[in-house]
Amino acid sequence: MKYIVSYSPHHQHFIDIEIVIRVSSAQTQVQCPAWRPGRYEIGNFSGNVRSWRAMNEKGEALKFHKVTKDLWQVETANCKELHVFYNYYAADLNAGSTYLDDRQLYMNPVNCCMYVPDLRHEPVIMEMLLPEGYRIASSMRMGVPEKAETHYKHTLTADTYDELADSPLIASPSLQMETIQVDKLKVNIWFQGEIKPDWAKIKSDFFVFIREQIQMMGGCPVDEYHFIYQALPYKFHHGVEHLSSTVIAVGPCYNLMKYDPFNNFLGVSCHELFHCWNIKTIRPVEMFPYDYTKENYSRLGYVYEGVTDYYGDYLLLRSGVFTEFDYLKAVQQQIQKHFDNYGRYNLGVADSSFDTWLDGYVSGAPYRKVSIYTEGALLAFIVDTFIRSHTQNAKSLDDVMRTLYHDYAMQGKPYSEADYWNIIEKVAGQSCQYIFDNYVNKAADLDTPLDEALLYIGLMMQTSPSKKHYERYYGMKVVEEDGRHKVAAVVPGSPAELAGICVNDEIHSINGHALKGNFNDWCAYYGKEQVKLSLISQSFRRYVDVKPFEEKEYFPSFFVVKKKDATPEQKEAYRAWCHHMF
């Protein structure tokens, strides 16, 4: 298959794609992917397709019809080449989309490049007709640009369609790039957008955490890797993994180099690189190979996303890029998310993984499920300390991941859920069935195993009351934007829920006082008195009375601290775990 990509004009956001296909039968099917690896929900990319048509090598129109919402069948009898033409609407800018404007052409080929299933494993070529001065950030192999009338033709090649689908690219005249060498791995760091990178700091920190990952895993599955960043002028945080690259959209670009934003930048970068091993190389049986046409259901999201999320911050601490303060702040955020989500009582993390195909990336029904990222990261920490505690710190979760990499992935084998837990038990020399039964396979609160895991390395959780009166006493979270107050969460059985307050209700007044971005101030003023709130719900106004309970409080803030009376054994376990002295 050969793809020819062009566009004109850019402001309409349509990319013109032609596919040249070798024909070998009387009928040829052309498939558009329904989802992209890295986001486990249906994407329905064919909804962005316009003006689909088919011709033979003579330019004669061919008959075709749609078999499904994203599969076309073309009559190709007496035809040597099939030429498919269509426009793809590219107006969504994030880490996994396709986007076109006057500054860049950004493509995730899995969004917009259709394929012939029978030719999926054969080499592909992509020719891109771009304005003068454009260059391309991508892990695909590239030839020297050639002048072609008013454009320059850039040729990219991939060994298979799967490689093409897994190789995002940005074409732009304003790309910035630096390269570092980490052991045998060449690392390219690209930025698109308005940004002034502190290259010295970026390269220094990246070198350290990249080397830590390579040494931990005992090698890297690729020889060259590309970090490709979309620097956006507004708050944004989204990354997507690929085998030889990642695209990460971050913002606001003007303060990316400041302390907290830069730590978040490091965290998502370390996370996405670890995916090079975990999910892109180490693959669950349900995604080996990927089926682009339908859901690839798996209960292992707590491994391919959760374990990755754990290592994303933990390896920054272990390598010395993060201070203990930086790391504990990140961990506290995960713990806070866990205890703020009452979905932990309704659906376990394995079932929540299966259900990402339903609503994994939106809030959905209140407290229906848990996050495979948050719960998975905390479970990874629990499993890590479980292994360490039963091996006197001689073994860890590192050994589990290395086994999956060397004994499964590098041998061309996927792993199952049973394989994962059998490896843990083999490494630990101890049954961990109770973890799987009680904290993975059913809805559960992680307070007990978290306390035990933290205690093993001399840490402990502490809480303090929420600083927001309505959280602490009413049991609800409120998002305040532009003077509007929208209910974001309600604790089951809380005064807010008993009063009839629901998620998405908009609060307009308290005791007759119109709100002007000061809801919490009014709540604090009335203390534990009963208050009357005016709400708008589905365009209807209603009034509710909220009376705080005398003793009950909600949404406490969680902190992780070192035990002042930590034992020598705990201090040594801490040192073995993070390579820092207690």
Protein backbone atom coordinates (compact mmCIF):
# COMPACT_ATOMS: atom_id res chain seq x y z
CA MET A 1 0.00 0.00 0.00
CA LYS A 2 1.13 3.50 -0.82
CA TYR A 3 -0.33 6.62 0.78
CA ILE A 4 -0.19 10.06 -0.82
CA VAL A 5 -1.03 12.87 1.62
CA SER A 6 -1.71 16.47 0.68
CA TYR A 7 -4.02 19.33 1.61
CA SER A 8 -5.38 22.63 0.36
CA PRO A 9 -6.55 24.85 1.90
CA HIS A 10 -5.44 24.26 5.48
CA HIS A 11 -8.09 26.37 7.24
CA GLN A 12 -10.85 23.89 6.44
CA HIS A 13 -8.91 21.17 8.31
CA PHE A 14 -9.35 18.52 5.61
CA ILE A 15 -6.44 16.27 4.65
CA ASP A 16 -6.55 14.69 1.19
CA ILE A 17 -5.49 11.04 1.20
CA GLU A 18 -4.97 8.72 -1.74
CA ILE A 19 -4.17 5.04 -1.24
CA VAL A 20 -2.65 3.03 -4.08
CA ILE A 21 -3.35 -0.67 -3.55
CA ARG A 22 -2.11 -3.70 -5.43
CA VAL A 23 -5.15 -5.75 -6.46
CA SER A 24 -5.24 -9.55 -6.39
CA SER A 25 -8.93 -10.43 -6.31
CA ALA A 26 -12.30 -9.49 -7.80
CA GLN A 27 -13.26 -7.71 -4.61
CA THR A 28 -11.08 -5.65 -2.28
CA GLN A 29 -11.99 -4.58 1.21
CA VAL A 30 -10.65 -1.34 2.69
CA GLN A 31 -10.80 -0.95 6.47
CA CYS A 32 -10.70 2.20 8.59
CA PRO A 33 -9.56 1.53 12.19
CA ALA A 34 -12.27 1.87 14.82
CA TRP A 35 -9.88 2.67 17.70
CA ARG A 36 -6.23 3.34 18.38
CA PRO A 37 -3.90 1.38 20.69
CA GLY A 38 -3.17 3.44 23.78
CA ARG A 39 -6.78 4.48 24.27
CA TYR A 40 -9.08 1.62 25.05
CA GLU A 41 -12.35 2.92 23.68
CA ILE A 42 -13.95 2.99 20.25
CA GLY A 43 -12.89 6.08 18.27
CA ASN A 44 -15.07 5.71 15.15
CA PHE A 45 -12.51 7.54 13.01
CA SER A 46 -14.54 6.88 9.88
CA GLY A 47 -16.89 9.60 11.12
CA ASN A 48 -14.26 12.10 9.95
CA VAL A 49 -14.15 10.71 6.41
CA ARG A 50 -15.68 12.67 3.50
CA SER A 51 -15.91 12.07 -0.26
CA TRP A 52 -14.81 8.42 -0.30
CA ARG A 53 -14.38 7.12 -3.85
CA ALA A 54 -12.49 4.40 -5.73
CA MET A 55 -10.86 4.24 -9.21
CA ASN A 56 -8.71 1.84 -11.18
CA GLU A 57 -5.29 2.58 -12.62
CA LYS A 58 -6.93 4.22 -15.66
CA GLY A 59 -8.86 6.71 -13.55
CA GLU A 60 -12.16 4.93 -14.12
CA ALA A 61 -14.66 4.89 -11.26
CA LEU A 62 -15.21 1.54 -9.54
CA LYS A 63 -18.35 0.31 -7.83
CA PHE A 64 -18.23 -0.01 -4.04
CA HIS A 65 -20.47 -0.28 -1.02
CA LYS A 66 -20.10 -0.09 2.74
CA VAL A 67 -20.13 -3.37 4.61
CA THR A 68 -19.93 -1.85 8.09
CA LYS A 69 -19.58 1.67 9.46
CA ASP A 70 -15.83 1.58 8.69
CA LEU A 71 -15.36 -1.12 6.04
CA TRP A 72 -15.72 -0.53 2.28
CA GLN A 73 -15.84 -3.26 -0.38
CA VAL A 74 -14.76 -2.36 -3.93
CA GLU A 75 -15.40 -4.32 -7.12
CA THR A 76 -11.88 -4.78 -8.54
CA ALA A 77 -12.28 -7.45 -11.23
CA ASN A 78 -9.94 -6.82 -14.21
CA CYS A 79 -8.17 -4.16 -12.14
CA LYS A 80 -4.42 -4.05 -11.45
CA GLU A 81 -4.38 -1.11 -9.06
CA LEU A 82 -7.02 0.30 -6.79
CA HIS A 83 -6.84 4.02 -6.03
CA VAL A 84 -8.91 5.10 -3.02
CA PHE A 85 -9.48 8.80 -2.42
CA TYR A 86 -11.03 10.53 0.58
CA ASN A 87 -10.78 13.61 2.79
CA TYR A 88 -10.15 13.32 6.51
CA TYR A 89 -11.38 16.04 8.87
CA ALA A 90 -8.45 16.97 11.14
CA ALA A 91 -9.60 19.54 13.68
CA ASP A 92 -8.82 17.90 17.04
CA LEU A 93 -5.50 18.66 18.72
CA ASN A 94 -4.43 16.27 21.47
CA ALA A 95 -1.85 13.52 21.89
CA GLY A 96 -3.75 10.92 19.89
CA SER A 97 -5.61 12.81 17.18
CA THR A 98 -4.97 14.27 13.73
CA TYR A 99 -4.83 18.02 13.18
CA LEU A 100 -4.16 20.51 10.39
CA ASP A 101 -3.70 24.30 10.42
CA ASP A 102 -1.34 26.87 8.94
CA ARG A 103 1.40 25.93 11.43
CA GLN A 104 1.49 22.15 11.19
CA LEU A 105 0.16 18.90 9.84
CA TYR A 106 -0.09 16.47 12.73
CA MET A 107 -1.09 12.89 11.95
CA ASN A 108 -1.76 9.75 13.89
CA PRO A 109 -1.97 7.41 10.89
CA VAL A 110 -4.16 4.98 12.83
CA ASN A 111 -6.86 7.70 12.79
CA CYS A 112 -6.88 8.41 9.10
CA CYS A 113 -4.95 5.81 7.09
CA MET A 114 -7.20 2.98 5.95
CA TYR A 115 -5.74 -0.40 5.03
CA VAL A 116 -6.44 -3.62 3.18
CA PRO A 117 -6.54 -6.42 5.78
CA ASP A 118 -4.79 -8.89 3.46
CA LEU A 119 -1.88 -6.44 3.02
CA ARG A 120 -1.53 -5.46 6.66
CA HIS A 121 1.84 -7.20 7.08
CA GLU A 122 3.47 -5.91 3.89
CA PRO A 123 5.70 -2.80 3.54
CA VAL A 124 4.01 0.58 3.11
CA ILE A 125 5.09 3.93 1.69
CA MET A 126 3.77 7.36 2.59
CA GLU A 127 4.41 10.35 0.34
CA MET A 128 3.62 13.72 1.89
CA LEU A 129 3.31 16.85 -0.23
CA LEU A 130 4.28 19.71 2.06
CA PRO A 131 5.14 23.41 1.79
CA GLU A 132 8.76 24.46 1.50
CA GLY A 133 10.60 24.61 4.81
CA TYR A 134 8.59 21.87 6.52
CA ARG A 135 10.38 19.03 8.24
CA ILE A 136 8.95 15.94 9.92
CA ALA A 137 9.19 14.52 13.43
CA SER A 138 8.49 10.79 13.25
CA SER A 139 10.01 7.40 14.02
CA MET A 140 9.44 6.24 10.44
CA ARG A 141 12.33 6.09 8.00
CA MET A 142 12.53 9.17 5.77
CA GLY A 143 14.11 9.84 2.42
CA VAL A 144 15.50 13.15 1.17
CA PRO A 145 12.69 15.61 0.26
CA GLU A 146 12.23 16.16 -3.47
CA LYS A 147 10.87 19.26 -5.21
CA ALA A 148 7.48 18.47 -6.75
CA GLU A 149 5.85 21.43 -8.51
CA THR A 150 4.78 23.85 -5.76
CA HIS A 151 5.42 21.40 -2.91
CA TYR A 152 8.16 19.23 -1.53
CA LYS A 153 7.60 15.47 -1.50
CA HIS A 154 8.70 13.74 1.69
CA THR A 155 8.78 9.94 1.52
CA LEU A 156 8.36 7.82 4.65
CA THR A 157 8.47 4.04 4.84
CA ALA A 158 7.35 1.38 7.31
CA ASP A 159 7.78 -2.39 7.29
CA THR A 160 4.08 -3.06 7.93
CA TYR A 161 0.79 -1.24 8.32
CA ASP A 162 1.08 -1.84 12.07
CA GLU A 163 4.30 0.16 12.13
CA LEU A 164 2.66 2.96 10.15
CA ALA A 165 -0.34 2.96 12.49
CA ASP A 166 2.04 3.18 15.45
CA SER A 167 4.12 6.06 14.04
CA PRO A 168 2.60 9.52 14.64
CA LEU A 169 4.20 12.49 12.91
CA ILE A 170 4.30 16.26 12.99
CA ALA A 171 5.21 18.17 9.84
CA SER A 172 6.00 21.82 10.51
CA PRO A 173 8.52 24.57 9.75
CA SER A 174 8.85 25.44 13.46
CA LEU A 175 9.88 22.14 15.02
CA GLN A 176 12.68 22.30 17.59
CA MET A 177 14.79 19.20 18.22
CA GLU A 178 17.76 18.01 20.28
CA THR A 179 19.28 14.53 20.51
CA ILE A 180 20.91 12.61 23.33
CA GLN A 181 22.57 9.20 23.37
CA VAL A 182 21.73 6.92 26.29
CA ASP A 183 23.78 3.74 26.14
CA LYS A 184 22.83 2.26 22.75
CA LEU A 185 19.59 4.23 22.46
CA LYS A 186 19.42 7.39 20.35
CA VAL A 187 16.78 9.72 21.80
CA ASN A 188 15.26 12.59 19.81
CA ILE A 189 13.31 15.27 21.70
CA TRP A 190 10.96 17.38 19.55
CA PHE A 191 8.84 20.41 20.39
CA GLN A 192 6.09 21.89 18.26
CA GLY A 193 4.55 25.15 19.41
CA GLU A 194 5.50 28.36 21.17
CA ILE A 195 8.05 27.28 23.77
CA LYS A 196 11.53 28.14 25.01
CA PRO A 197 12.94 24.79 26.18
CA ASP A 198 15.67 24.70 28.82
CA TRP A 199 17.55 22.14 26.78
CA ALA A 200 20.35 21.64 29.29
CA LYS A 201 17.93 20.68 32.08
CA ILE A 202 15.69 18.60 29.83
CA LYS A 203 18.58 16.62 28.37
CA SER A 204 20.20 16.11 31.77
CA ASP A 205 17.03 14.83 33.49
CA PHE A 206 15.96 12.73 30.51
CA PHE A 207 19.34 11.05 30.31
CA VAL A 208 19.08 9.97 33.94
CA PHE A 209 15.57 8.49 33.91
CA ILE A 210 15.99 6.90 30.47
CA ARG A 211 19.16 5.13 31.60
CA GLU A 212 17.39 3.99 34.78
CA GLN A 213 14.65 2.35 32.70
CA ILE A 214 17.06 0.65 30.31
CA GLN A 215 19.19 -0.71 33.14
CA MET A 216 16.15 -1.88 35.08
CA MET A 217 14.68 -3.75 32.09
CA GLY A 218 18.00 -5.13 30.88
CA GLY A 219 17.91 -3.57 27.43
CA CYS A 220 15.56 -1.63 25.17
CA PRO A 221 13.34 -3.04 22.40
CA VAL A 222 14.27 -0.21 19.98
CA ASP A 223 17.48 1.50 18.87
CA GLU A 224 15.97 4.97 18.44
CA TYR A 225 13.15 6.74 20.28
CA HIS A 226 11.31 10.01 19.70
CA PHE A 227 9.67 12.22 22.35
CA ILE A 228 7.31 14.44 20.34
CA TYR A 229 5.66 17.30 22.24
CA GLN A 230 2.73 19.48 21.28
CA ALA A 231 3.30 22.61 23.39
CA LEU A 232 -0.12 24.21 23.77
CA PRO A 233 -0.98 27.73 25.02
CA TYR A 234 -3.56 26.47 27.55
CA LYS A 235 -3.61 23.96 30.39
CA PHE A 236 -3.32 20.44 28.99
CA HIS A 237 -1.78 17.10 29.95
CA HIS A 238 -2.10 14.06 27.69
CA GLY A 239 0.33 11.46 26.40
CA VAL A 240 0.04 8.49 24.04
CA GLU A 241 2.52 5.65 23.83
CA HIS A 242 4.03 4.06 20.74
CA LEU A 243 6.82 1.53 20.35
CA SER A 244 9.45 3.95 19.03
CA SER A 245 7.91 7.26 20.04
CA THR A 246 5.39 9.11 22.12
CA VAL A 247 3.31 12.19 21.46
CA ILE A 248 2.67 14.29 24.56
CA ALA A 249 0.45 17.36 24.54
CA VAL A 250 1.29 19.74 27.40
CA GLY A 251 0.39 23.27 28.37
CA PRO A 252 0.37 26.08 29.04
CA CYS A 253 3.61 26.33 27.11
CA TYR A 254 4.69 29.61 28.67
CA ASN A 255 5.28 28.12 32.13
CA LEU A 256 6.31 24.57 31.25
CA MET A 257 9.79 25.11 32.62
CA LYS A 258 8.51 26.21 36.03
CA TYR A 259 8.80 23.82 38.97
CA ASP A 260 5.44 22.04 39.24
CA PRO A 261 4.60 22.05 35.50
CA PHE A 262 8.09 20.75 34.72
CA ASN A 263 7.70 17.92 37.25
CA ASN A 264 4.41 16.98 35.59
CA PHE A 265 6.20 17.12 32.24
CA LEU A 266 8.88 14.75 33.56
CA GLY A 267 6.27 12.43 35.06
CA VAL A 268 4.28 11.98 31.86
CA SER A 269 7.49 11.60 29.82
CA CYS A 270 8.86 8.87 32.10
CA HIS A 271 5.45 7.16 32.07
CA GLU A 272 5.19 7.14 28.28
CA LEU A 273 8.71 5.83 27.79
CA PHE A 274 8.03 2.91 30.14
CA HIS A 275 5.19 1.96 27.79
CA CYS A 276 7.91 1.15 25.23
CA TRP A 277 8.26 -2.03 27.28
CA ASN A 278 4.90 -2.30 29.04
CA ILE A 279 2.08 -2.68 26.45
CA LYS A 280 4.01 -1.88 23.27
CA THR A 281 6.36 -4.85 23.71
CA ILE A 282 4.95 -6.72 26.72
CA ARG A 283 1.45 -7.41 25.43
CA PRO A 284 -1.62 -9.08 26.98
CA VAL A 285 -3.08 -11.99 25.04
CA GLU A 286 -6.20 -9.97 24.21
CA MET A 287 -4.09 -7.50 22.19
CA PHE A 288 -1.73 -9.89 20.47
CA PRO A 289 -2.14 -8.88 17.75
CA TYR A 290 -4.24 -5.72 17.87
CA ASP A 291 -7.61 -5.93 16.20
CA TYR A 292 -8.30 -2.41 14.91
CA THR A 293 -11.89 -3.21 13.94
CA LYS A 294 -13.47 -3.76 17.36
CA GLU A 295 -12.99 -3.66 21.13
CA ASN A 296 -9.96 -5.55 22.46
CA TYR A 297 -11.34 -6.33 25.92
CA SER A 298 -8.78 -6.93 28.66
CA ARG A 299 -8.87 -7.04 32.47
CA LEU A 300 -5.18 -6.11 32.64
CA GLY A 301 -5.40 -2.31 32.50
CA TYR A 302 -4.08 -2.20 36.06
CA VAL A 303 -0.86 -3.73 34.63
CA TYR A 304 -0.37 -1.95 31.30
CA GLU A 305 -1.48 1.45 32.62
CA GLY A 306 -1.33 1.10 36.40
CA VAL A 307 2.14 -0.43 36.66
CA THR A 308 3.36 2.11 34.12
CA ASP A 309 1.89 4.94 36.17
CA TYR A 310 3.65 3.62 39.27
CA TYR A 311 7.02 3.47 37.56
CA GLY A 312 6.49 6.83 35.86
CA ASP A 313 7.01 8.69 39.15
CA TYR A 314 8.88 6.02 41.12
CA LEU A 315 11.77 5.77 38.64
CA LEU A 316 12.18 9.54 38.73
CA LEU A 317 12.66 9.24 42.50
CA ARG A 318 14.91 6.19 42.28
CA SER A 319 17.14 7.78 39.66
CA GLY A 320 17.46 11.03 41.59
CA VAL A 321 15.54 13.23 39.17
CA PHE A 322 12.74 13.69 41.71
CA THR A 323 13.38 14.62 45.31
CA GLU A 324 11.53 12.74 48.04
CA PHE A 325 9.25 15.78 48.34
CA ASP A 326 8.45 15.66 44.61
CA TYR A 327 7.64 11.96 44.72
CA LEU A 328 5.53 12.03 47.87
CA LYS A 329 3.50 14.87 46.40
CA ALA A 330 2.74 12.72 43.34
CA VAL A 331 1.87 9.70 45.49
CA GLN A 332 -0.41 11.78 47.69
CA GLN A 333 -2.33 12.87 44.61
CA GLN A 334 -2.90 9.21 43.66
CA ILE A 335 -4.01 8.32 47.18
CA GLN A 336 -6.32 11.33 47.26
CA LYS A 337 -7.95 10.26 44.00
CA HIS A 338 -8.50 6.76 45.36
CA PHE A 339 -10.23 7.88 48.55
CA ASP A 340 -12.23 10.60 46.80
CA ASN A 341 -13.70 8.04 44.38
CA TYR A 342 -16.54 6.04 45.94
CA GLY A 343 -16.55 3.91 42.82
CA ARG A 344 -14.06 1.76 44.73
CA TYR A 345 -17.10 0.23 46.44
CA ASN A 346 -18.91 -0.52 43.18
CA LEU A 347 -16.48 -1.95 40.59
CA GLY A 348 -13.06 -3.54 40.92
CA VAL A 349 -10.03 -2.45 38.95
CA ALA A 350 -9.96 -5.52 36.66
CA ASP A 351 -13.61 -5.04 35.71
CA SER A 352 -13.03 -1.30 35.35
CA SER A 353 -10.29 -2.16 32.86
CA PHE A 354 -12.73 -4.27 30.86
CA ASP A 355 -15.18 -1.37 30.93
CA THR A 356 -12.83 1.31 29.64
CA TRP A 357 -14.48 0.51 26.31
CA LEU A 358 -17.70 1.87 27.79
CA ASP A 359 -16.66 5.02 29.64
CA GLY A 360 -13.03 4.71 30.66
CA TYR A 361 -12.04 8.28 29.87
CA VAL A 362 -15.07 10.26 31.02
CA SER A 363 -16.71 10.49 34.43
CA GLY A 364 -19.74 8.50 33.32
CA ALA A 365 -22.32 7.50 35.89
CA PRO A 366 -21.22 8.84 39.29
CA TYR A 367 -18.93 6.45 41.17
CA ARG A 368 -19.59 3.59 38.74
CA LYS A 369 -15.96 2.52 38.44
CA VAL A 370 -12.35 3.16 39.43
CA SER A 371 -9.36 4.37 37.43
CA ILE A 372 -6.99 1.77 36.04
CA TYR A 373 -4.25 4.40 36.37
CA THR A 374 -4.81 5.35 40.01
CA GLU A 375 -5.86 1.96 41.40
CA GLY A 376 -3.31 0.21 39.21
CA ALA A 377 -0.44 2.43 40.40
CA LEU A 378 -1.34 1.91 44.06
CA LEU A 379 -1.69 -1.84 43.52
CA ALA A 380 1.71 -1.91 41.82
CA PHE A 381 3.23 -0.27 44.90
CA ILE A 382 1.42 -2.79 47.14
CA VAL A 383 2.70 -5.71 45.03
CA ASP A 384 6.21 -4.25 44.94
CA THR A 385 6.44 -4.05 48.74
CA PHE A 386 4.75 -7.47 49.04
CA ILE A 387 7.56 -9.03 47.00
CA ARG A 388 10.26 -7.09 48.85
CA SER A 389 8.89 -8.05 52.26
CA HIS A 390 8.93 -11.77 51.40
CA THR A 391 12.41 -11.76 49.86
CA GLN A 392 14.23 -9.52 52.34
CA ASN A 393 14.45 -6.88 49.58
CA ALA A 394 16.31 -9.23 47.25
CA LYS A 395 13.47 -9.20 44.69
CA SER A 396 10.87 -6.66 43.59
CA LEU A 397 8.30 -5.79 40.95
CA ASP A 398 11.31 -5.03 38.73
CA ASP A 399 11.92 -8.79 38.48
CA VAL A 400 8.33 -9.37 37.41
CA MET A 401 8.58 -6.81 34.63
CA ARG A 402 11.94 -8.16 33.47
CA THR A 403 10.47 -11.67 33.32
CA LEU A 404 7.55 -10.44 31.23
CA TYR A 405 9.98 -8.66 28.93
CA HIS A 406 12.65 -11.31 28.45
CA ASP A 407 10.67 -14.56 28.86
CA TYR A 408 7.49 -13.47 27.13
CA ALA A 409 7.80 -10.37 24.91
CA MET A 410 11.28 -11.12 23.56
CA GLN A 411 10.18 -14.68 22.85
CA GLY A 412 7.22 -13.47 20.83
CA LYS A 413 4.69 -14.49 23.50
CA PRO A 414 1.89 -12.47 25.08
CA TYR A 415 0.97 -12.87 28.74
CA SER A 416 -2.30 -13.61 30.48
CA GLU A 417 -3.68 -12.42 33.80
CA ALA A 418 -2.79 -15.82 35.27
CA ASP A 419 0.77 -15.48 33.93
CA TYR A 420 1.19 -12.11 35.66
CA TRP A 421 0.11 -13.35 39.08
CA ASN A 422 2.03 -16.64 38.73
CA ILE A 423 5.20 -14.67 38.04
CA ILE A 424 4.59 -12.49 41.10
CA GLU A 425 4.17 -15.58 43.28
CA LYS A 426 7.26 -17.21 41.81
CA VAL A 427 9.37 -14.09 42.41
CA ALA A 428 7.99 -13.56 45.93
CA GLY A 429 8.04 -17.24 46.85
CA GLN A 430 4.66 -16.64 48.44
CA SER A 431 1.01 -16.84 47.44
CA CYS A 432 -0.58 -13.48 46.69
CA GLN A 433 -4.04 -14.87 45.95
CA TYR A 434 -5.60 -12.72 48.66
CA ILE A 435 -4.42 -9.54 46.86
CA PHE A 436 -5.95 -10.70 43.61
CA ASP A 437 -9.18 -11.91 45.20
CA ASN A 438 -9.77 -8.96 47.52
CA TYR A 439 -8.27 -5.92 45.79
CA VAL A 440 -8.12 -6.68 42.06
CA ASN A 441 -11.02 -8.96 41.31
CA LYS A 442 -13.65 -7.11 43.33
CA ALA A 443 -14.53 -3.62 44.48
CA ALA A 444 -12.49 -2.69 47.53
CA ASP A 445 -10.98 0.04 49.65
CA LEU A 446 -7.16 -0.06 49.54
CA ASP A 447 -6.63 1.50 52.98
CA THR A 448 -5.41 -1.69 54.71
CA PRO A 449 -2.92 -2.91 52.05
CA LEU A 450 -1.73 0.65 51.50
CA ASP A 451 -1.06 1.11 55.22
CA GLU A 452 0.87 -2.17 55.26
CA ALA A 453 2.89 -1.29 52.14
CA LEU A 454 3.81 2.16 53.42
CA LEU A 455 4.65 0.83 56.87
CA TYR A 456 7.09 -1.67 55.39
CA ILE A 457 9.30 1.18 54.15
CA GLY A 458 8.77 3.40 57.19
CA LEU A 459 6.03 5.63 55.77
CA MET A 460 2.50 6.31 56.91
CA MET A 461 -0.66 8.08 55.80
CA GLN A 462 -2.02 11.05 57.65
CA THR A 463 -5.16 13.07 57.03
CA SER A 464 -6.33 16.59 57.67
CA PRO A 465 -9.80 18.09 57.14
CA SER A 466 -10.60 19.55 53.74
CA LYS A 467 -10.03 23.29 53.59
CA LYS A 468 -13.27 23.69 51.66
CA HIS A 469 -16.26 23.94 53.99
CA TYR A 470 -18.74 22.38 51.56
CA GLU A 471 -16.47 19.39 51.03
CA ARG A 472 -15.81 18.84 54.71
CA TYR A 473 -19.34 19.28 56.07
CA TYR A 474 -21.76 18.92 53.13
CA GLY A 475 -19.94 16.03 51.41
CA MET A 476 -19.79 17.43 47.90
CA LYS A 477 -17.20 18.77 45.49
CA VAL A 478 -17.91 21.89 43.49
CA VAL A 479 -16.12 23.18 40.42
CA GLU A 480 -15.96 26.98 40.40
CA GLU A 481 -15.33 28.56 36.99
CA ASP A 482 -16.17 32.07 35.81
CA GLY A 483 -18.34 32.67 38.86
CA ARG A 484 -20.42 29.53 38.28
CA HIS A 485 -20.63 26.69 40.80
CA LYS A 486 -21.24 23.20 39.44
CA VAL A 487 -21.50 20.08 41.59
CA ALA A 488 -18.80 17.60 40.57
CA ALA A 489 -19.20 14.85 43.20
CA VAL A 490 -21.54 13.91 46.03
CA VAL A 491 -20.66 11.42 48.79
CA PRO A 492 -23.27 8.67 49.24
CA GLY A 493 -25.18 9.21 52.46
CA SER A 494 -23.80 12.72 52.99
CA PRO A 495 -25.90 15.78 53.91
CA ALA A 496 -25.64 16.91 50.28
CA GLU A 497 -27.00 13.64 48.93
CA LEU A 498 -29.75 13.41 51.55
CA ALA A 499 -30.79 16.95 50.62
CA GLY A 500 -31.25 15.82 47.00
CA ILE A 501 -28.18 17.45 45.45
CA CYS A 502 -26.91 15.68 42.32
CA VAL A 503 -23.79 15.74 40.16
CA ASN A 504 -24.02 18.50 37.50
CA ASP A 505 -26.43 20.62 39.55
CA GLU A 506 -25.51 24.30 39.33
CA ILE A 507 -25.71 26.25 42.59
CA HIS A 508 -27.05 29.80 42.21
CA SER A 509 -27.61 31.06 45.74
CA ILE A 510 -27.27 30.23 49.44
CA ASN A 511 -29.91 31.54 51.85
CA GLY A 512 -30.98 33.98 49.16
CA HIS A 513 -27.51 35.37 48.48
CA ALA A 514 -26.50 35.19 44.81
CA LEU A 515 -23.10 33.59 44.32
CA LYS A 516 -20.24 35.49 42.73
CA GLY A 517 -17.43 32.96 42.97
CA ASN A 518 -17.77 32.98 46.77
CA PHE A 519 -19.74 29.83 47.59
CA ASN A 520 -17.17 28.46 50.04
CA ASP A 521 -16.97 31.81 51.87
CA TRP A 522 -20.72 31.79 52.43
CA CYS A 523 -20.66 28.15 53.53
CA ALA A 524 -17.94 28.93 56.08
CA TYR A 525 -19.92 31.94 57.28
CA TYR A 526 -22.97 29.80 58.09
CA GLY A 527 -20.83 27.04 59.62
CA LYS A 528 -22.94 24.06 60.64
CA GLU A 529 -26.24 25.87 60.35
CA GLN A 530 -28.86 24.56 57.95
CA VAL A 531 -28.73 26.43 54.65
CA LYS A 532 -31.09 26.72 51.69
CA LEU A 533 -29.51 26.37 48.26
CA SER A 534 -31.03 27.37 44.96
CA LEU A 535 -30.11 24.89 42.22
CA ILE A 536 -30.56 24.66 38.48
CA SER A 537 -30.85 21.12 37.16
CA GLN A 538 -31.78 20.35 33.54
CA SER A 539 -33.09 23.95 33.20
CA PHE A 540 -35.38 23.56 36.23
CA ARG A 541 -34.90 25.56 39.42
CA ARG A 542 -35.34 23.88 42.77
CA TYR A 543 -34.50 24.56 46.40
CA VAL A 544 -32.92 22.21 48.91
CA ASP A 545 -32.08 22.44 52.61
CA VAL A 546 -28.64 21.16 53.68
CA LYS A 547 -27.88 20.48 57.35
CA PRO A 548 -24.36 19.23 58.23
CA PHE A 549 -24.10 16.30 60.63
CA GLU A 550 -22.65 17.06 64.04
CA GLU A 551 -19.75 14.58 63.90
CA LYS A 552 -19.37 13.35 60.32
CA GLU A 553 -16.84 14.91 57.91
CA TYR A 554 -15.96 14.17 54.28
CA PHE A 555 -13.19 14.44 51.68
CA PRO A 556 -10.19 14.62 54.06
CA SER A 557 -6.81 15.53 52.56
CA PHE A 558 -4.24 12.72 52.55
CA PHE A 559 -0.51 13.02 53.19
CA VAL A 560 2.34 10.53 53.26
CA VAL A 561 5.07 11.14 55.82
CA LYS A 562 8.07 9.32 57.27
CA LYS A 563 7.55 7.66 60.62
CA LYS A 564 9.56 9.41 63.31
CA ASP A 565 10.07 6.11 65.12
CA ALA A 566 10.92 4.03 62.03
CA THR A 567 12.91 0.90 62.86
CA PRO A 568 16.32 0.08 61.35
CA GLU A 569 14.58 -2.58 59.25
CA GLN A 570 12.12 -0.06 57.87
CA LYS A 571 14.90 2.39 57.10
CA GLU A 572 16.86 -0.28 55.26
CA ALA A 573 13.75 -1.33 53.32
CA TYR A 574 13.23 2.31 52.35
CA ARG A 575 16.83 2.60 51.14
CA ALA A 576 16.55 -0.64 49.14
CA TRP A 577 13.28 0.53 47.61
CA CYS A 578 14.18 4.04 46.45
CA HIS A 579 18.01 4.18 46.71
CA HIS A 580 17.81 7.12 49.13
CA MET A 581 18.79 7.12 52.77
CA PHE A 582 15.84 7.33 55.16
